[in-house]
Amino acid sequence: MDRKVVEQYRLALFGRMVMGIAHEIDNHLSVVLGFSELIQVAAGKEQKVRDGAGKILSAGEKIGAIVQQFSRHVRPHAPSPEPFPPGEMITEILLFSRYDLGRDNVTILPIPEVPPGILLADRRDFALALLALLFNAAEAMSETGGELSLRVSIDAAGWEFAVSDQGPGIPAGFEEKVFEFGFTTRTGTVHTGMGLPVARHLAGQAGGTLQLSNGSGGGCVAAIRVPVKPRAQGH
């Protein structure tokens, strides 16, 4: 896959999240403004001043983290593998994607504790692959709502990142067709048919695989598996 396709998808996906970022920043700014007024009113009450100042500081730090992580992950770049803890990366991307993933009555389940360990891959590209799977799962439930989950595990074979939804699942005979560039089973301007092909390409770039299957209770499970010591990949 041409690198330009990856970056085109990155910009398209992050462009969709702009309104969500604005919403999250507005939430924290309202805290900053509200407690600034409280401090002005209660300037003579020392404990309230300390509490209010603490809330302002916390909200300001959250605003900074959202903008910083969004800006870091949206930038085009040349792939460069690096060791990183997956749990830290997942926390980063949820900072700016949670609002958009939770549209249309989609509930994001709490993510179980990510096992400690190090993954060797391009951090931002691997994050993009996970975002593609999360948004694909959320879109599958756009008409009915449902629960979206991400579970991470590691064993002797390597890492597994499993995204599950409660959508309609994969139609029979479409198990591989969904990975064709431009193919989509849904309608609407946001459904470009790029997410799954890009995610599979980036999983392969990390030395791993991406497979989709129907869940035993319905819905779809998309699982990226990466060996602990991935084989060398050309970029």
C-alpha atoms as a PDB file:
ATOM      1  CA  MET A   1       0.000   0.000   0.000  1.00  0.00           C
ATOM      2  CA  ASP A   2       1.302   3.419  -0.948  1.00  0.00           C
ATOM      3  CA  ARG A   3       2.221   5.543   2.073  1.00  0.00           C
ATOM      4  CA  LYS A   4       0.112   8.366   0.632  1.00  0.00           C
ATOM      5  CA  VAL A   5      -2.987   6.203   1.151  1.00  0.00           C
ATOM      6  CA  VAL A   6      -2.147   5.780   4.846  1.00  0.00           C
ATOM      7  CA  GLU A   7      -1.686   9.511   5.316  1.00  0.00           C
ATOM      8  CA  GLN A   8      -4.850  10.271   3.341  1.00  0.00           C
ATOM      9  CA  TYR A   9      -6.812   8.018   5.671  1.00  0.00           C
ATOM     10  CA  ARG A  10      -5.118   9.520   8.728  1.00  0.00           C
ATOM     11  CA  LEU A  11      -6.197  13.038   7.742  1.00  0.00           C
ATOM     12  CA  ALA A  12      -9.729  11.904   6.867  1.00  0.00           C
ATOM     13  CA  LEU A  13     -10.188  10.105  10.192  1.00  0.00           C
ATOM     14  CA  PHE A  14      -8.727  12.880  12.326  1.00  0.00           C
ATOM     15  CA  GLY A  15     -10.739  15.440  10.392  1.00  0.00           C
ATOM     16  CA  ARG A  16     -13.871  13.657  11.577  1.00  0.00           C
ATOM     17  CA  MET A  17     -12.771  14.123  15.181  1.00  0.00           C
ATOM     18  CA  VAL A  18     -12.399  17.905  15.045  1.00  0.00           C
ATOM     19  CA  MET A  19     -15.913  18.526  16.400  1.00  0.00           C
ATOM     20  CA  GLY A  20     -15.330  16.001  19.164  1.00  0.00           C
ATOM     21  CA  ILE A  21     -12.099  17.730  20.131  1.00  0.00           C
ATOM     22  CA  ALA A  22     -13.927  21.066  20.225  1.00  0.00           C
ATOM     23  CA  HIS A  23     -16.583  19.498  22.485  1.00  0.00           C
ATOM     24  CA  GLU A  24     -14.012  18.077  24.916  1.00  0.00           C
ATOM     25  CA  ILE A  25     -12.046  21.323  25.079  1.00  0.00           C
ATOM     26  CA  ASP A  26     -15.261  23.293  25.641  1.00  0.00           C
ATOM     27  CA  ASN A  27     -16.131  21.036  28.583  1.00  0.00           C
ATOM     28  CA  HIS A  28     -12.805  21.707  30.291  1.00  0.00           C
ATOM     29  CA  LEU A  29     -12.829  25.404  29.425  1.00  0.00           C
ATOM     30  CA  SER A  30     -16.196  25.741  31.156  1.00  0.00           C
ATOM     31  CA  VAL A  31     -14.501  24.412  34.301  1.00  0.00           C
ATOM     32  CA  VAL A  32     -11.666  26.912  33.923  1.00  0.00           C
ATOM     33  CA  LEU A  33     -14.071  29.833  33.469  1.00  0.00           C
ATOM     34  CA  GLY A  34     -16.523  28.696  36.142  1.00  0.00           C
ATOM     35  CA  PHE A  35     -13.954  28.238  38.879  1.00  0.00           C
ATOM     36  CA  SER A  36     -12.155  31.427  37.892  1.00  0.00           C
ATOM     37  CA  GLU A  37     -15.370  33.264  38.738  1.00  0.00           C
ATOM     38  CA  LEU A  38     -15.700  31.313  41.993  1.00  0.00           C
ATOM     39  CA  ILE A  39     -12.177  32.279  43.029  1.00  0.00           C
ATOM     40  CA  GLN A  40     -12.989  35.921  42.379  1.00  0.00           C
ATOM     41  CA  VAL A  41     -16.094  35.692  44.564  1.00  0.00           C
ATOM     42  CA  ALA A  42     -14.536  33.588  47.326  1.00  0.00           C
ATOM     43  CA  ALA A  43     -11.093  35.163  47.371  1.00  0.00           C
ATOM     44  CA  GLY A  44     -11.360  35.678  51.102  1.00  0.00           C
ATOM     45  CA  LYS A  45     -12.025  31.983  51.845  1.00  0.00           C
ATOM     46  CA  GLU A  46      -8.677  30.262  51.615  1.00  0.00           C
ATOM     47  CA  GLN A  47      -9.812  26.612  51.278  1.00  0.00           C
ATOM     48  CA  LYS A  48     -12.248  27.398  48.483  1.00  0.00           C
ATOM     49  CA  VAL A  49      -9.515  29.328  46.714  1.00  0.00           C
ATOM     50  CA  ARG A  50      -7.165  26.329  46.915  1.00  0.00           C
ATOM     51  CA  ASP A  51      -9.866  23.907  45.736  1.00  0.00           C
ATOM     52  CA  GLY A  52     -10.881  26.165  42.873  1.00  0.00           C
ATOM     53  CA  ALA A  53      -7.281  26.708  41.801  1.00  0.00           C
ATOM     54  CA  GLY A  54      -6.742  22.937  41.807  1.00  0.00           C
ATOM     55  CA  LYS A  55      -9.745  22.359  39.538  1.00  0.00           C
ATOM     56  CA  ILE A  56      -8.589  25.075  37.144  1.00  0.00           C
ATOM     57  CA  LEU A  57      -5.116  23.541  36.999  1.00  0.00           C
ATOM     58  CA  SER A  58      -6.543  20.074  36.345  1.00  0.00           C
ATOM     59  CA  ALA A  59      -8.848  21.303  33.569  1.00  0.00           C
ATOM     60  CA  GLY A  60      -6.005  23.259  31.981  1.00  0.00           C
ATOM     61  CA  GLU A  61      -3.771  20.183  32.017  1.00  0.00           C
ATOM     62  CA  LYS A  62      -6.514  18.106  30.362  1.00  0.00           C
ATOM     63  CA  ILE A  63      -6.957  20.707  27.622  1.00  0.00           C
ATOM     64  CA  GLY A  64      -3.213  20.697  27.018  1.00  0.00           C
ATOM     65  CA  ALA A  65      -3.062  16.884  26.890  1.00  0.00           C
ATOM     66  CA  ILE A  66      -5.952  16.614  24.416  1.00  0.00           C
ATOM     67  CA  VAL A  67      -4.463  19.167  22.027  1.00  0.00           C
ATOM     68  CA  GLN A  68      -0.935  17.786  22.376  1.00  0.00           C
ATOM     69  CA  GLN A  69      -1.873  14.152  21.695  1.00  0.00           C
ATOM     70  CA  PHE A  70      -4.256  15.004  18.857  1.00  0.00           C
ATOM     71  CA  SER A  71      -1.572  17.132  17.191  1.00  0.00           C
ATOM     72  CA  ARG A  72       1.054  14.438  17.642  1.00  0.00           C
ATOM     73  CA  HIS A  73      -1.001  11.653  16.123  1.00  0.00           C
ATOM     74  CA  VAL A  74      -2.426  13.610  13.183  1.00  0.00           C
ATOM     75  CA  ARG A  75       0.963  14.595  11.730  1.00  0.00           C
ATOM     76  CA  PRO A  76       2.111  12.695   8.611  1.00  0.00           C
ATOM     77  CA  HIS A  77       5.467  11.024   9.126  1.00  0.00           C
ATOM     78  CA  ALA A  78       7.838   8.377   7.787  1.00  0.00           C
ATOM     79  CA  PRO A  79       7.369   5.028   9.620  1.00  0.00           C
ATOM     80  CA  SER A  80       9.959   4.436  12.325  1.00  0.00           C
ATOM     81  CA  PRO A  81       9.610   1.485  14.763  1.00  0.00           C
ATOM     82  CA  GLU A  82      10.183   2.236  18.432  1.00  0.00           C
ATOM     83  CA  PRO A  83       9.595   0.347  21.695  1.00  0.00           C
ATOM     84  CA  PHE A  84       6.572   1.600  23.649  1.00  0.00           C
ATOM     85  CA  PRO A  85       4.041   0.375  26.244  1.00  0.00           C
ATOM     86  CA  PRO A  86       0.685  -0.204  24.463  1.00  0.00           C
ATOM     87  CA  GLY A  87      -1.359   0.871  27.480  1.00  0.00           C
ATOM     88  CA  GLU A  88       0.159   4.336  27.373  1.00  0.00           C
ATOM     89  CA  MET A  89      -0.610   4.693  23.661  1.00  0.00           C
ATOM     90  CA  ILE A  90      -4.222   3.558  24.121  1.00  0.00           C
ATOM     91  CA  THR A  91      -4.745   6.145  26.865  1.00  0.00           C
ATOM     92  CA  GLU A  92      -3.432   8.827  24.476  1.00  0.00           C
ATOM     93  CA  ILE A  93      -5.791   8.054  21.600  1.00  0.00           C
ATOM     94  CA  LEU A  94      -8.858   7.750  23.835  1.00  0.00           C
ATOM     95  CA  LEU A  95      -8.223  11.282  25.098  1.00  0.00           C
ATOM     96  CA  PHE A  96      -9.330  12.728  21.777  1.00  0.00           C
ATOM     97  CA  SER A  97     -11.481   9.960  20.237  1.00  0.00           C
ATOM     98  CA  ARG A  98     -13.812   8.945  23.055  1.00  0.00           C
ATOM     99  CA  TYR A  99     -16.498  11.542  22.278  1.00  0.00           C
ATOM    100  CA  ASP A 100     -16.759  10.623  18.585  1.00  0.00           C
ATOM    101  CA  LEU A 101     -16.672   6.887  19.283  1.00  0.00           C
ATOM    102  CA  GLY A 102     -19.549   7.297  21.724  1.00  0.00           C
ATOM    103  CA  ARG A 103     -22.003   8.841  19.266  1.00  0.00           C
ATOM    104  CA  ASP A 104     -25.254   7.129  18.160  1.00  0.00           C
ATOM    105  CA  ASN A 105     -25.895   5.378  21.489  1.00  0.00           C
ATOM    106  CA  VAL A 106     -22.574   3.539  21.381  1.00  0.00           C
ATOM    107  CA  THR A 107     -21.236   2.772  24.863  1.00  0.00           C
ATOM    108  CA  ILE A 108     -17.470   2.421  25.245  1.00  0.00           C
ATOM    109  CA  LEU A 109     -16.861  -0.193  27.899  1.00  0.00           C
ATOM    110  CA  PRO A 110     -14.069   0.436  30.430  1.00  0.00           C
ATOM    111  CA  ILE A 111     -10.859  -0.997  29.042  1.00  0.00           C
ATOM    112  CA  PRO A 112      -9.436  -3.737  31.278  1.00  0.00           C
ATOM    113  CA  GLU A 113      -5.927  -3.114  32.546  1.00  0.00           C
ATOM    114  CA  VAL A 114      -3.438  -3.460  29.715  1.00  0.00           C
ATOM    115  CA  PRO A 115      -0.696  -5.976  30.556  1.00  0.00           C
ATOM    116  CA  PRO A 116       2.754  -4.503  31.125  1.00  0.00           C
ATOM    117  CA  GLY A 117       5.215  -5.010  28.326  1.00  0.00           C
ATOM    118  CA  ILE A 118       6.760  -3.378  25.307  1.00  0.00           C
ATOM    119  CA  LEU A 119       5.614  -3.446  21.687  1.00  0.00           C
ATOM    120  CA  LEU A 120       8.057  -2.712  18.888  1.00  0.00           C
ATOM    121  CA  ALA A 121       6.284  -0.825  16.096  1.00  0.00           C
ATOM    122  CA  ASP A 122       5.693   2.648  14.726  1.00  0.00           C
ATOM    123  CA  ARG A 123       3.713   4.072  17.632  1.00  0.00           C
ATOM    124  CA  ARG A 124       1.543   6.498  15.675  1.00  0.00           C
ATOM    125  CA  ASP A 125       0.848   4.051  12.856  1.00  0.00           C
ATOM    126  CA  PHE A 126      -0.166   1.323  15.288  1.00  0.00           C
ATOM    127  CA  ALA A 127      -2.413   3.824  17.056  1.00  0.00           C
ATOM    128  CA  LEU A 128      -3.996   4.657  13.690  1.00  0.00           C
ATOM    129  CA  ALA A 129      -4.669   0.960  13.065  1.00  0.00           C
ATOM    130  CA  LEU A 130      -6.462   0.670  16.425  1.00  0.00           C
ATOM    131  CA  LEU A 131      -8.436   3.865  15.782  1.00  0.00           C
ATOM    132  CA  ALA A 132      -9.520   2.480  12.404  1.00  0.00           C
ATOM    133  CA  LEU A 133     -10.850  -0.673  14.086  1.00  0.00           C
ATOM    134  CA  LEU A 134     -12.573   1.279  16.872  1.00  0.00           C
ATOM    135  CA  PHE A 135     -14.321   3.609  14.426  1.00  0.00           C
ATOM    136  CA  ASN A 136     -15.265   0.727  12.154  1.00  0.00           C
ATOM    137  CA  ALA A 137     -16.851  -1.024  15.144  1.00  0.00           C
ATOM    138  CA  ALA A 138     -18.660   2.138  16.280  1.00  0.00           C
ATOM    139  CA  GLU A 139     -20.015   2.729  12.766  1.00  0.00           C
ATOM    140  CA  ALA A 140     -21.324  -0.849  12.647  1.00  0.00           C
ATOM    141  CA  MET A 141     -23.596   0.078  15.580  1.00  0.00           C
ATOM    142  CA  SER A 142     -24.610   3.528  14.310  1.00  0.00           C
ATOM    143  CA  GLU A 143     -28.221   2.478  13.677  1.00  0.00           C
ATOM    144  CA  THR A 144     -28.852   0.282  16.706  1.00  0.00           C
ATOM    145  CA  GLY A 145     -26.346   1.379  19.344  1.00  0.00           C
ATOM    146  CA  GLY A 146     -24.457  -1.126  21.449  1.00  0.00           C
ATOM    147  CA  GLU A 147     -21.285  -1.759  23.402  1.00  0.00           C
ATOM    148  CA  LEU A 148     -17.777  -1.228  22.062  1.00  0.00           C
ATOM    149  CA  SER A 149     -14.856  -2.901  23.790  1.00  0.00           C
ATOM    150  CA  LEU A 150     -11.089  -3.150  23.450  1.00  0.00           C
ATOM    151  CA  ARG A 151      -9.138  -5.888  25.193  1.00  0.00           C
ATOM    152  CA  VAL A 152      -5.378  -6.316  25.157  1.00  0.00           C
ATOM    153  CA  SER A 153      -3.559  -9.508  26.096  1.00  0.00           C
ATOM    154  CA  ILE A 154      -0.093 -10.981  25.762  1.00  0.00           C
ATOM    155  CA  ASP A 155       1.248 -14.534  25.926  1.00  0.00           C
ATOM    156  CA  ALA A 156       4.190 -16.499  24.566  1.00  0.00           C
ATOM    157  CA  ALA A 157       2.912 -15.989  21.004  1.00  0.00           C
ATOM    158  CA  GLY A 158       2.754 -12.209  21.345  1.00  0.00           C
ATOM    159  CA  TRP A 159       0.263  -9.377  21.709  1.00  0.00           C
ATOM    160  CA  GLU A 160      -3.428  -9.423  20.817  1.00  0.00           C
ATOM    161  CA  PHE A 161      -5.582  -6.304  20.479  1.00  0.00           C
ATOM    162  CA  ALA A 162      -9.253  -7.310  20.107  1.00  0.00           C
ATOM    163  CA  VAL A 163     -11.969  -4.769  19.256  1.00  0.00           C
ATOM    164  CA  SER A 164     -15.525  -6.095  19.656  1.00  0.00           C
ATOM    165  CA  ASP A 165     -18.887  -4.602  18.704  1.00  0.00           C
ATOM    166  CA  GLN A 166     -22.574  -5.559  18.811  1.00  0.00           C
ATOM    167  CA  GLY A 167     -23.322  -4.706  15.200  1.00  0.00           C
ATOM    168  CA  PRO A 168     -24.669  -7.002  12.474  1.00  0.00           C
ATOM    169  CA  GLY A 169     -21.388  -8.858  12.003  1.00  0.00           C
ATOM    170  CA  ILE A 170     -19.712  -9.798   8.714  1.00  0.00           C
ATOM    171  CA  PRO A 171     -22.048 -11.020   5.942  1.00  0.00           C
ATOM    172  CA  ALA A 172     -21.280 -14.554   4.761  1.00  0.00           C
ATOM    173  CA  GLY A 173     -18.781 -14.529   1.915  1.00  0.00           C
ATOM    174  CA  PHE A 174     -17.448 -11.036   2.736  1.00  0.00           C
ATOM    175  CA  GLU A 175     -14.709 -12.099   5.186  1.00  0.00           C
ATOM    176  CA  GLU A 176     -11.905 -11.006   2.835  1.00  0.00           C
ATOM    177  CA  LYS A 177     -13.810  -8.600   0.615  1.00  0.00           C
ATOM    178  CA  VAL A 178     -14.098  -6.112   3.499  1.00  0.00           C
ATOM    179  CA  PHE A 179     -10.330  -5.637   3.210  1.00  0.00           C
ATOM    180  CA  GLU A 180     -10.530  -4.473  -0.387  1.00  0.00           C
ATOM    181  CA  PHE A 181      -9.704  -0.807  -0.774  1.00  0.00           C
ATOM    182  CA  GLY A 182     -12.870   1.275  -1.258  1.00  0.00           C
ATOM    183  CA  PHE A 183     -15.286  -1.531  -0.357  1.00  0.00           C
ATOM    184  CA  THR A 184     -17.925  -0.839   2.295  1.00  0.00           C
ATOM    185  CA  THR A 185     -21.229  -2.380   3.291  1.00  0.00           C
ATOM    186  CA  ARG A 186     -22.529   0.928   4.654  1.00  0.00           C
ATOM    187  CA  THR A 187     -23.710   4.127   3.038  1.00  0.00           C
ATOM    188  CA  GLY A 188     -22.925   7.758   3.793  1.00  0.00           C
ATOM    189  CA  THR A 189     -20.115  10.160   3.026  1.00  0.00           C
ATOM    190  CA  VAL A 190     -17.931   9.066   5.971  1.00  0.00           C
ATOM    191  CA  HIS A 191     -17.836   5.429   4.868  1.00  0.00           C
ATOM    192  CA  THR A 192     -14.801   5.484   2.581  1.00  0.00           C
ATOM    193  CA  GLY A 193     -13.881   1.796   2.749  1.00  0.00           C
ATOM    194  CA  MET A 194     -10.317   2.766   3.767  1.00  0.00           C
ATOM    195  CA  GLY A 195     -10.222   1.867   7.464  1.00  0.00           C
ATOM    196  CA  LEU A 196      -9.888  -1.917   7.343  1.00  0.00           C
ATOM    197  CA  PRO A 197      -7.389  -2.051   4.436  1.00  0.00           C
ATOM    198  CA  VAL A 198      -5.217   0.585   6.144  1.00  0.00           C
ATOM    199  CA  ALA A 199      -5.470  -1.196   9.501  1.00  0.00           C
ATOM    200  CA  ARG A 200      -4.409  -4.521   7.976  1.00  0.00           C
ATOM    201  CA  HIS A 201      -1.511  -2.858   6.155  1.00  0.00           C
ATOM    202  CA  LEU A 202      -0.286  -1.165   9.344  1.00  0.00           C
ATOM    203  CA  ALA A 203      -0.672  -4.381  11.354  1.00  0.00           C
ATOM    204  CA  GLY A 204       1.511  -6.099   8.759  1.00  0.00           C
ATOM    205  CA  GLN A 205       3.997  -3.242   8.927  1.00  0.00           C
ATOM    206  CA  ALA A 206       4.340  -4.036  12.642  1.00  0.00           C
ATOM    207  CA  GLY A 207       5.002  -7.687  11.810  1.00  0.00           C
ATOM    208  CA  GLY A 208       1.510  -8.810  12.746  1.00  0.00           C
ATOM    209  CA  THR A 209      -1.849  -9.797  11.280  1.00  0.00           C
ATOM    210  CA  LEU A 210      -5.414  -8.510  11.348  1.00  0.00           C
ATOM    211  CA  GLN A 211      -8.348 -10.905  11.250  1.00  0.00           C
ATOM    212  CA  LEU A 212     -12.101 -10.329  11.518  1.00  0.00           C
ATOM    213  CA  SER A 213     -14.605 -12.862  12.773  1.00  0.00           C
ATOM    214  CA  ASN A 214     -18.206 -12.908  13.953  1.00  0.00           C
ATOM    215  CA  GLY A 215     -18.594 -13.033  17.714  1.00  0.00           C
ATOM    216  CA  SER A 216     -20.271 -16.021  19.350  1.00  0.00           C
ATOM    217  CA  GLY A 217     -23.007 -13.741  20.680  1.00  0.00           C
ATOM    218  CA  GLY A 218     -23.266 -11.594  17.574  1.00  0.00           C
ATOM    219  CA  GLY A 219     -21.344  -8.611  16.345  1.00  0.00           C
ATOM    220  CA  CYS A 220     -17.796  -8.628  15.054  1.00  0.00           C
ATOM    221  CA  VAL A 221     -14.361  -9.104  16.600  1.00  0.00           C
ATOM    222  CA  ALA A 222     -11.350  -7.505  14.906  1.00  0.00           C
ATOM    223  CA  ALA A 223      -8.065  -8.814  16.303  1.00  0.00           C
ATOM    224  CA  ILE A 224      -4.549  -7.569  15.625  1.00  0.00           C
ATOM    225  CA  ARG A 225      -1.900 -10.081  16.657  1.00  0.00           C
ATOM    226  CA  VAL A 226       1.763  -9.093  16.824  1.00  0.00           C
ATOM    227  CA  PRO A 227       4.622 -11.442  17.778  1.00  0.00           C
ATOM    228  CA  VAL A 228       6.775 -10.371  20.709  1.00  0.00           C
ATOM    229  CA  LYS A 229       9.720 -10.264  18.281  1.00  0.00           C
ATOM    230  CA  PRO A 230       8.183  -9.182  14.946  1.00  0.00           C
ATOM    231  CA  ARG A 231       9.940 -10.080  11.751  1.00  0.00           C
ATOM    232  CA  ALA A 232      11.643  -7.303   9.818  1.00  0.00           C
ATOM    233  CA  GLN A 233       9.284  -5.383   7.555  1.00  0.00           C
ATOM    234  CA  GLY A 234       9.906  -3.189   4.544  1.00  0.00           C
ATOM    235  CA  HIS A 235       8.206   0.210   4.605  1.00  0.00           C
END
